[in-house]
């Protein structure tokens, strides 16, 4: 009987050992699962923060564009009289057709000014080249004259 009792106890101990081993394995699996979910959460939250930052930048950009469209951009025309004149002129536009005509006129004027700027830049570049060449010739002449003496 004592042998049966010992065998029963050993069997019970073996069963408890197995339960402890299973519990440790389950705890380890739960820990790994929790770690996996924590990493996924951190990745997702980082992506959300990044998206939020990009959207904030886009909102700021759109607000700037809106202010420019509305004529609020004081850095472009710091002259208050110019801003008032522009806003008055815009307020007088009564139809979409008038707006289109005005936009076409402004676009043509912009293109004309861009062409004038380009011509002026080319002229400036040519003047710079001519002056550089003249300066080089003058230095050469001066060097030759000094050498001749």
N, C-alpha and C. Protein backbone atom coordinates (compact mmCIF):
# COMPACT_ATOMS: atom_id res chain seq x y z
N UNK A 1 0.80 -1.18 0.00
CA UNK A 1 0.00 0.00 0.00
C UNK A 1 0.85 1.26 0.00
N UNK A 2 1.87 1.23 0.71
CA UNK A 2 2.76 2.37 0.75
C UNK A 2 3.38 2.59 -0.60
N UNK A 3 3.62 1.49 -1.30
CA UNK A 3 4.15 1.61 -2.65
C UNK A 3 3.12 2.24 -3.57
N UNK A 4 1.87 1.88 -3.44
CA UNK A 4 0.79 2.48 -4.22
C UNK A 4 0.67 3.96 -3.91
N UNK A 5 0.77 4.27 -2.63
CA UNK A 5 0.67 5.66 -2.21
C UNK A 5 1.84 6.48 -2.77
N UNK A 6 3.03 5.90 -2.72
CA UNK A 6 4.21 6.57 -3.25
C UNK A 6 4.06 6.78 -4.75
N UNK A 7 3.58 5.74 -5.43
CA UNK A 7 3.38 5.83 -6.87
C UNK A 7 2.34 6.89 -7.19
N UNK A 8 1.31 6.97 -6.38
CA UNK A 8 0.25 7.96 -6.58
C UNK A 8 0.81 9.37 -6.38
N UNK A 9 1.65 9.52 -5.34
CA UNK A 9 2.25 10.83 -5.08
C UNK A 9 3.20 11.23 -6.21
N UNK A 10 4.00 10.27 -6.65
CA UNK A 10 4.93 10.55 -7.74
C UNK A 10 4.16 10.93 -9.01
N UNK A 11 3.08 10.24 -9.23
CA UNK A 11 2.24 10.53 -10.38
C UNK A 11 1.64 11.92 -10.27
N UNK A 12 1.20 12.25 -9.09
CA UNK A 12 0.63 13.58 -8.84
C UNK A 12 1.70 14.66 -9.00
N UNK A 13 2.90 14.40 -8.49
CA UNK A 13 3.99 15.36 -8.62
C UNK A 13 4.34 15.54 -10.09
N UNK A 14 4.40 14.43 -10.82
CA UNK A 14 4.70 14.50 -12.26
C UNK A 14 3.63 15.32 -12.97
N UNK A 15 2.37 15.12 -12.62
CA UNK A 15 1.27 15.89 -13.22
C UNK A 15 1.39 17.37 -12.90
N UNK A 16 1.73 17.69 -11.65
CA UNK A 16 1.91 19.09 -11.25
C UNK A 16 3.08 19.72 -11.98
N UNK A 17 4.19 18.94 -12.13
CA UNK A 17 5.33 19.45 -12.88
C UNK A 17 4.92 19.80 -14.32
N UNK A 18 4.13 18.89 -14.90
CA UNK A 18 3.67 19.13 -16.27
C UNK A 18 2.78 20.37 -16.34
N UNK A 19 1.93 20.56 -15.34
CA UNK A 19 1.06 21.74 -15.30
C UNK A 19 1.90 23.02 -15.18
N UNK A 20 2.95 22.97 -14.34
CA UNK A 20 3.83 24.13 -14.17
C UNK A 20 4.56 24.41 -15.49
N UNK A 21 5.05 23.36 -16.14
CA UNK A 21 5.74 23.53 -17.43
C UNK A 21 4.79 24.12 -18.46
N UNK A 22 3.55 23.62 -18.51
CA UNK A 22 2.55 24.15 -19.44
C UNK A 22 2.23 25.61 -19.12
N UNK A 23 2.09 25.92 -17.83
CA UNK A 23 1.79 27.30 -17.43
C UNK A 23 2.93 28.24 -17.81
N UNK A 24 4.18 27.79 -17.64
CA UNK A 24 5.33 28.61 -18.02
C UNK A 24 5.34 28.84 -19.53
N UNK A 25 5.05 27.77 -20.29
CA UNK A 25 5.02 27.90 -21.75
C UNK A 25 3.91 28.86 -22.18
N UNK A 26 2.75 28.76 -21.53
CA UNK A 26 1.64 29.65 -21.86
C UNK A 26 1.98 31.10 -21.51
N UNK A 27 2.64 31.27 -20.35
CA UNK A 27 3.05 32.61 -19.97
C UNK A 27 4.04 33.18 -20.98
N UNK A 28 4.98 32.35 -21.44
CA UNK A 28 5.97 32.77 -22.43
C UNK A 28 5.27 33.14 -23.75
N UNK A 29 4.33 32.34 -24.20
CA UNK A 29 3.58 32.63 -25.42
C UNK A 29 2.78 33.93 -25.27
N UNK A 30 2.16 34.12 -24.09
CA UNK A 30 1.39 35.34 -23.85
C UNK A 30 2.32 36.55 -23.87
N UNK A 31 3.50 36.41 -23.30
CA UNK A 31 4.47 37.50 -23.29
C UNK A 31 4.90 37.85 -24.72
N UNK A 32 5.20 36.83 -25.52
CA UNK A 32 5.59 37.07 -26.91
C UNK A 32 4.47 37.72 -27.70
N UNK A 33 3.24 37.27 -27.45
CA UNK A 33 2.09 37.85 -28.13
C UNK A 33 1.91 39.32 -27.72
N UNK A 34 2.05 39.58 -26.43
CA UNK A 34 1.92 40.95 -25.94
C UNK A 34 3.01 41.83 -26.54
N UNK A 35 4.22 41.29 -26.64
CA UNK A 35 5.33 42.05 -27.22
C UNK A 35 5.07 42.34 -28.70
N UNK A 36 4.53 41.35 -29.41
CA UNK A 36 4.20 41.55 -30.83
C UNK A 36 3.16 42.65 -30.98
N UNK A 37 2.12 42.62 -30.14
CA UNK A 37 1.07 43.64 -30.21
C UNK A 37 1.59 45.02 -29.82
N UNK A 38 2.51 45.05 -28.85
CA UNK A 38 3.10 46.32 -28.43
C UNK A 38 3.90 46.94 -29.60
N UNK A 39 4.66 46.10 -30.31
CA UNK A 39 5.42 46.59 -31.45
C UNK A 39 4.48 47.09 -32.55
N UNK A 40 3.42 46.33 -32.81
CA UNK A 40 2.45 46.77 -33.82
C UNK A 40 1.80 48.09 -33.42
N UNK A 41 1.45 48.22 -32.15
CA UNK A 41 0.84 49.46 -31.65
C UNK A 41 1.81 50.63 -31.82
N UNK A 42 3.08 50.41 -31.44
CA UNK A 42 4.08 51.48 -31.56
C UNK A 42 4.30 51.88 -33.03
N UNK A 43 4.35 50.90 -33.90
CA UNK A 43 4.51 51.19 -35.34
C UNK A 43 3.32 52.00 -35.84
N UNK A 44 2.13 51.56 -35.48
CA UNK A 44 0.91 52.25 -35.92
C UNK A 44 0.85 53.67 -35.35
N UNK A 45 1.19 53.83 -34.09
CA UNK A 45 1.13 55.16 -33.49
C UNK A 45 2.19 56.08 -34.12
N UNK A 46 3.35 55.55 -34.43
CA UNK A 46 4.38 56.35 -35.10
C UNK A 46 3.89 56.79 -36.48
N UNK A 47 3.24 55.87 -37.20
CA UNK A 47 2.70 56.22 -38.51
C UNK A 47 1.63 57.30 -38.38
N UNK A 48 0.78 57.18 -37.37
CA UNK A 48 -0.26 58.19 -37.15
C UNK A 48 0.35 59.55 -36.83
N UNK A 49 1.40 59.56 -36.01
CA UNK A 49 2.07 60.82 -35.69
C UNK A 49 2.69 61.44 -36.94
N UNK A 50 3.30 60.60 -37.75
CA UNK A 50 3.90 61.08 -38.99
C UNK A 50 2.83 61.63 -39.93
N UNK A 51 1.74 60.89 -40.08
CA UNK A 51 0.63 61.37 -40.92
C UNK A 51 0.07 62.68 -40.40
N UNK A 52 -0.07 62.77 -39.10
CA UNK A 52 -0.60 63.99 -38.49
C UNK A 52 0.32 65.18 -38.76
N UNK A 53 1.61 64.96 -38.63
CA UNK A 53 2.57 66.03 -38.89
C UNK A 53 2.51 66.47 -40.36
N UNK A 54 2.45 65.51 -41.28
CA UNK A 54 2.36 65.85 -42.70
C UNK A 54 1.07 66.61 -42.99
N UNK A 55 -0.02 66.19 -42.37
CA UNK A 55 -1.30 66.87 -42.58
C UNK A 55 -1.26 68.30 -42.01
N UNK A 56 -0.61 68.48 -40.87
CA UNK A 56 -0.48 69.82 -40.29
C UNK A 56 0.32 70.72 -41.23
N UNK A 57 1.38 70.18 -41.83
CA UNK A 57 2.16 70.96 -42.79
C UNK A 57 1.32 71.30 -44.01
N UNK A 58 0.54 70.34 -44.48
CA UNK A 58 -0.32 70.59 -45.65
C UNK A 58 -1.37 71.65 -45.32
N UNK A 59 -1.94 71.60 -44.12
CA UNK A 59 -2.93 72.60 -43.71
C UNK A 59 -2.29 73.98 -43.68
N UNK A 60 -1.09 74.07 -43.12
CA UNK A 60 -0.39 75.36 -43.07
C UNK A 60 -0.12 75.88 -44.48
N UNK A 61 0.28 75.00 -45.38
CA UNK A 61 0.54 75.39 -46.77
C UNK A 61 -0.75 75.89 -47.43
N UNK A 62 -1.83 75.16 -47.22
CA UNK A 62 -3.10 75.57 -47.82
C UNK A 62 -3.61 76.89 -47.24
N UNK A 63 -3.39 77.11 -45.95
CA UNK A 63 -3.78 78.38 -45.35
C UNK A 63 -3.00 79.53 -45.97
N UNK A 64 -1.70 79.30 -46.20
CA UNK A 64 -0.87 80.33 -46.83
C UNK A 64 -1.38 80.63 -48.23
N UNK A 65 -1.68 79.57 -48.99
CA UNK A 65 -2.20 79.77 -50.35
C UNK A 65 -3.53 80.51 -50.31
N UNK A 66 -4.38 80.16 -49.35
CA UNK A 66 -5.68 80.82 -49.23
C UNK A 66 -5.50 82.30 -48.92
N UNK A 67 -4.57 82.61 -48.02
CA UNK A 67 -4.31 84.01 -47.70
C UNK A 67 -3.81 84.77 -48.93
N UNK A 68 -2.96 84.11 -49.72
CA UNK A 68 -2.45 84.76 -50.94
C UNK A 68 -3.59 85.01 -51.92
N UNK A 69 -4.46 84.02 -52.06
CA UNK A 69 -5.59 84.16 -52.98
C UNK A 69 -6.51 85.29 -52.53
N UNK A 70 -6.72 85.39 -51.23
CA UNK A 70 -7.60 86.43 -50.69
C UNK A 70 -6.91 87.80 -50.65
N UNK A 71 -5.62 87.84 -50.96
CA UNK A 71 -4.91 89.11 -50.94
C UNK A 71 -4.47 89.51 -49.55
N UNK A 72 -4.37 88.56 -48.67
CA UNK A 72 -4.00 88.87 -47.28
C UNK A 72 -2.49 88.84 -47.10
N UNK A 73 -1.77 88.31 -48.03
CA UNK A 73 -0.33 88.16 -47.91
C UNK A 73 0.34 89.53 -47.94
N UNK A 74 0.63 90.05 -46.77
CA UNK A 74 1.21 91.39 -46.64
C UNK A 74 2.67 91.40 -47.05
N UNK A 75 3.32 90.23 -47.10
CA UNK A 75 4.73 90.22 -47.47
C UNK A 75 4.91 90.47 -48.95
N UNK A 76 3.89 90.15 -49.76
CA UNK A 76 4.00 90.38 -51.20
C UNK A 76 3.85 91.87 -51.50
N UNK A 77 2.84 92.49 -50.93
CA UNK A 77 2.61 93.92 -51.13
C UNK A 77 2.46 94.59 -49.76
N UNK A 78 3.56 95.06 -49.20
CA UNK A 78 3.49 95.66 -47.87
C UNK A 78 2.78 97.01 -47.87
N UNK A 79 2.60 97.59 -49.05
CA UNK A 79 1.96 98.89 -49.17
C UNK A 79 0.45 98.72 -48.96
N UNK A 80 -0.08 99.29 -47.91
CA UNK A 80 -1.50 99.17 -47.58
C UNK A 80 -2.37 99.74 -48.69
N UNK A 81 -1.95 100.85 -49.31
CA UNK A 81 -2.72 101.46 -50.40
C UNK A 81 -2.86 100.50 -51.57
N UNK A 82 -1.77 99.78 -51.89
CA UNK A 82 -1.83 98.81 -52.99
C UNK A 82 -2.81 97.69 -52.66
N UNK A 83 -2.75 97.22 -51.43
CA UNK A 83 -3.66 96.14 -51.02
C UNK A 83 -5.12 96.60 -51.09
N UNK A 84 -5.37 97.81 -50.63
CA UNK A 84 -6.75 98.34 -50.68
C UNK A 84 -7.20 98.50 -52.12
N UNK A 85 -6.32 99.00 -52.98
CA UNK A 85 -6.67 99.17 -54.40
C UNK A 85 -6.97 97.82 -55.05
N UNK A 86 -6.17 96.83 -54.75
CA UNK A 86 -6.39 95.49 -55.31
C UNK A 86 -7.71 94.92 -54.81
N UNK A 87 -7.95 95.03 -53.52
CA UNK A 87 -9.19 94.48 -52.97
C UNK A 87 -10.41 95.22 -53.52
N UNK A 88 -10.30 96.52 -53.72
CA UNK A 88 -11.40 97.29 -54.31
C UNK A 88 -11.65 96.83 -55.74
N UNK A 89 -10.57 96.64 -56.50
CA UNK A 89 -10.72 96.19 -57.88
C UNK A 89 -11.35 94.80 -57.94
N UNK A 90 -10.96 93.92 -57.05
CA UNK A 90 -11.54 92.57 -57.01
C UNK A 90 -13.01 92.64 -56.63
N UNK A 91 -13.34 93.51 -55.68
CA UNK A 91 -14.74 93.63 -55.23
C UNK A 91 -15.65 94.13 -56.35
N UNK A 92 -15.10 94.89 -57.30
CA UNK A 92 -15.91 95.43 -58.39
C UNK A 92 -16.23 94.39 -59.46
N UNK A 93 -15.54 93.26 -59.44
CA UNK A 93 -15.80 92.21 -60.43
C UNK A 93 -17.14 91.56 -60.08
N UNK A 94 -18.06 91.59 -61.03
CA UNK A 94 -19.42 91.15 -60.75
C UNK A 94 -19.77 89.80 -61.36
N UNK A 95 -19.00 89.36 -62.34
CA UNK A 95 -19.37 88.09 -62.97
C UNK A 95 -18.13 87.24 -63.21
N UNK A 96 -18.41 86.00 -63.49
CA UNK A 96 -17.32 85.07 -63.79
C UNK A 96 -16.61 85.48 -65.07
N UNK A 97 -17.35 85.99 -66.02
CA UNK A 97 -16.75 86.43 -67.29
C UNK A 97 -15.79 87.60 -67.05
N UNK A 98 -16.20 88.55 -66.20
CA UNK A 98 -15.30 89.67 -65.88
C UNK A 98 -14.04 89.16 -65.19
N UNK A 99 -14.22 88.18 -64.33
CA UNK A 99 -13.08 87.59 -63.63
C UNK A 99 -12.13 86.92 -64.62
N UNK A 100 -12.70 86.20 -65.59
CA UNK A 100 -11.88 85.55 -66.61
C UNK A 100 -11.11 86.59 -67.45
N UNK A 101 -11.80 87.65 -67.84
CA UNK A 101 -11.16 88.71 -68.63
C UNK A 101 -10.01 89.32 -67.83
N UNK A 102 -10.27 89.59 -66.55
CA UNK A 102 -9.24 90.19 -65.68
C UNK A 102 -8.06 89.23 -65.52
N UNK A 103 -8.36 87.95 -65.34
CA UNK A 103 -7.31 86.95 -65.17
C UNK A 103 -6.46 86.84 -66.43
N UNK A 104 -7.11 86.87 -67.59
CA UNK A 104 -6.37 86.81 -68.86
C UNK A 104 -5.46 88.04 -68.98
N UNK A 105 -5.99 89.21 -68.66
CA UNK A 105 -5.19 90.44 -68.74
C UNK A 105 -4.00 90.38 -67.78
N UNK A 106 -4.24 89.91 -66.59
CA UNK A 106 -3.16 89.82 -65.59
C UNK A 106 -2.12 88.79 -66.04
N UNK A 107 -2.60 87.68 -66.60
CA UNK A 107 -1.67 86.65 -67.08
C UNK A 107 -0.82 87.18 -68.23
N UNK A 108 -1.44 87.92 -69.14
CA UNK A 108 -0.67 88.51 -70.24
C UNK A 108 0.36 89.49 -69.71
N UNK A 109 -0.04 90.31 -68.75
CA UNK A 109 0.88 91.28 -68.17
C UNK A 109 2.03 90.57 -67.46
N UNK A 110 1.72 89.51 -66.75
CA UNK A 110 2.77 88.73 -66.09
C UNK A 110 3.74 88.16 -67.12
N UNK A 111 3.20 87.59 -68.20
CA UNK A 111 4.05 87.04 -69.25
C UNK A 111 4.93 88.12 -69.88
N UNK A 112 4.35 89.30 -70.12
CA UNK A 112 5.11 90.41 -70.68
C UNK A 112 6.24 90.81 -69.73
N UNK A 113 5.93 90.88 -68.44
CA UNK A 113 6.94 91.24 -67.45
C UNK A 113 8.03 90.17 -67.33
N UNK A 114 7.62 88.91 -67.43
CA UNK A 114 8.62 87.83 -67.40
C UNK A 114 9.55 87.91 -68.61
N UNK A 115 8.98 88.23 -69.78
CA UNK A 115 9.81 88.38 -70.99
C UNK A 115 10.76 89.57 -70.81
N UNK A 116 10.25 90.68 -70.27
CA UNK A 116 11.09 91.86 -70.04
C UNK A 116 12.21 91.52 -69.05
N UNK A 117 11.88 90.76 -68.01
CA UNK A 117 12.88 90.36 -67.03
C UNK A 117 13.93 89.47 -67.69
N UNK A 118 13.49 88.53 -68.50
CA UNK A 118 14.42 87.64 -69.19
C UNK A 118 15.34 88.44 -70.11
N UNK A 119 14.77 89.38 -70.85
CA UNK A 119 15.56 90.23 -71.74
C UNK A 119 16.58 91.03 -70.93
N UNK A 120 16.14 91.58 -69.82
CA UNK A 120 17.03 92.36 -68.95
C UNK A 120 18.14 91.48 -68.39
N UNK A 121 17.80 90.24 -68.00
CA UNK A 121 18.81 89.33 -67.47
C UNK A 121 19.83 88.97 -68.55
N UNK A 122 19.35 88.73 -69.77
CA UNK A 122 20.26 88.42 -70.87
C UNK A 122 21.15 89.62 -71.18
N UNK A 123 20.57 90.80 -71.17
CA UNK A 123 21.33 92.02 -71.41
C UNK A 123 22.40 92.21 -70.33
N UNK A 124 22.01 91.95 -69.10
CA UNK A 124 22.94 92.07 -67.97
C UNK A 124 24.08 91.07 -68.14
N UNK A 125 23.73 89.84 -68.53
CA UNK A 125 24.75 88.82 -68.74
C UNK A 125 25.71 89.23 -69.86
N UNK A 126 25.16 89.74 -70.96
CA UNK A 126 26.00 90.19 -72.08
C UNK A 126 26.90 91.35 -71.66
N UNK A 127 26.35 92.28 -70.89
CA UNK A 127 27.14 93.43 -70.40
C UNK A 127 28.28 92.93 -69.51
N UNK A 128 27.97 91.98 -68.66
CA UNK A 128 28.99 91.44 -67.76
C UNK A 128 30.11 90.78 -68.58
N UNK A 129 29.72 90.02 -69.60
CA UNK A 129 30.73 89.37 -70.45
C UNK A 129 31.58 90.42 -71.17
N UNK A 130 30.91 91.43 -71.71
CA UNK A 130 31.63 92.50 -72.43
C UNK A 130 32.58 93.23 -71.51
N UNK A 131 32.12 93.56 -70.32
CA UNK A 131 32.98 94.27 -69.36
C UNK A 131 34.13 93.39 -68.91
N UNK A 132 33.86 92.10 -68.72
CA UNK A 132 34.93 91.19 -68.31
C UNK A 132 35.98 91.09 -69.41
N UNK A 133 35.52 91.00 -70.67
CA UNK A 133 36.44 90.94 -71.81
C UNK A 133 37.25 92.24 -71.90
N UNK A 134 36.58 93.38 -71.76
CA UNK A 134 37.27 94.68 -71.82
C UNK A 134 38.29 94.79 -70.70
N UNK A 135 37.93 94.35 -69.52
CA UNK A 135 38.86 94.39 -68.39
C UNK A 135 40.06 93.49 -68.66
N UNK A 136 39.78 92.31 -69.20
CA UNK A 136 40.87 91.38 -69.54
C UNK A 136 41.79 91.98 -70.57
N UNK A 137 41.22 92.64 -71.61
CA UNK A 137 42.03 93.29 -72.65
C UNK A 137 42.87 94.42 -72.06
N UNK A 138 42.26 95.18 -71.17
CA UNK A 138 42.98 96.29 -70.54
C UNK A 138 44.15 95.77 -69.71
N UNK A 139 43.93 94.70 -69.00
CA UNK A 139 45.01 94.11 -68.18
C UNK A 139 46.11 93.58 -69.08
N UNK A 140 45.72 92.92 -70.19
CA UNK A 140 46.71 92.42 -71.14
C UNK A 140 47.54 93.57 -71.71
N UNK A 141 46.87 94.63 -72.11
CA UNK A 141 47.57 95.81 -72.68
C UNK A 141 48.52 96.40 -71.65
N UNK A 142 48.04 96.52 -70.42
CA UNK A 142 48.87 97.08 -69.36
C UNK A 142 50.09 96.17 -69.09
N UNK A 143 49.87 94.90 -69.12
CA UNK A 143 50.97 93.94 -68.89
C UNK A 143 52.00 94.05 -70.02
N UNK A 144 51.53 94.14 -71.26
CA UNK A 144 52.44 94.27 -72.41
C UNK A 144 53.21 95.58 -72.34
N UNK A 145 52.52 96.65 -71.95
CA UNK A 145 53.16 97.96 -71.86
C UNK A 145 54.24 97.95 -70.78
N UNK A 146 53.96 97.34 -69.68
CA UNK A 146 54.94 97.25 -68.59
C UNK A 146 56.14 96.38 -69.03
N UNK A 147 55.84 95.34 -69.76
CA UNK A 147 56.92 94.45 -70.22
C UNK A 147 57.81 95.17 -71.23
N UNK A 148 57.21 96.05 -72.05
CA UNK A 148 57.96 96.77 -73.07
C UNK A 148 58.90 97.79 -72.43
N UNK A 149 58.59 98.28 -71.30
CA UNK A 149 59.41 99.30 -70.63
C UNK A 149 60.60 98.65 -70.09
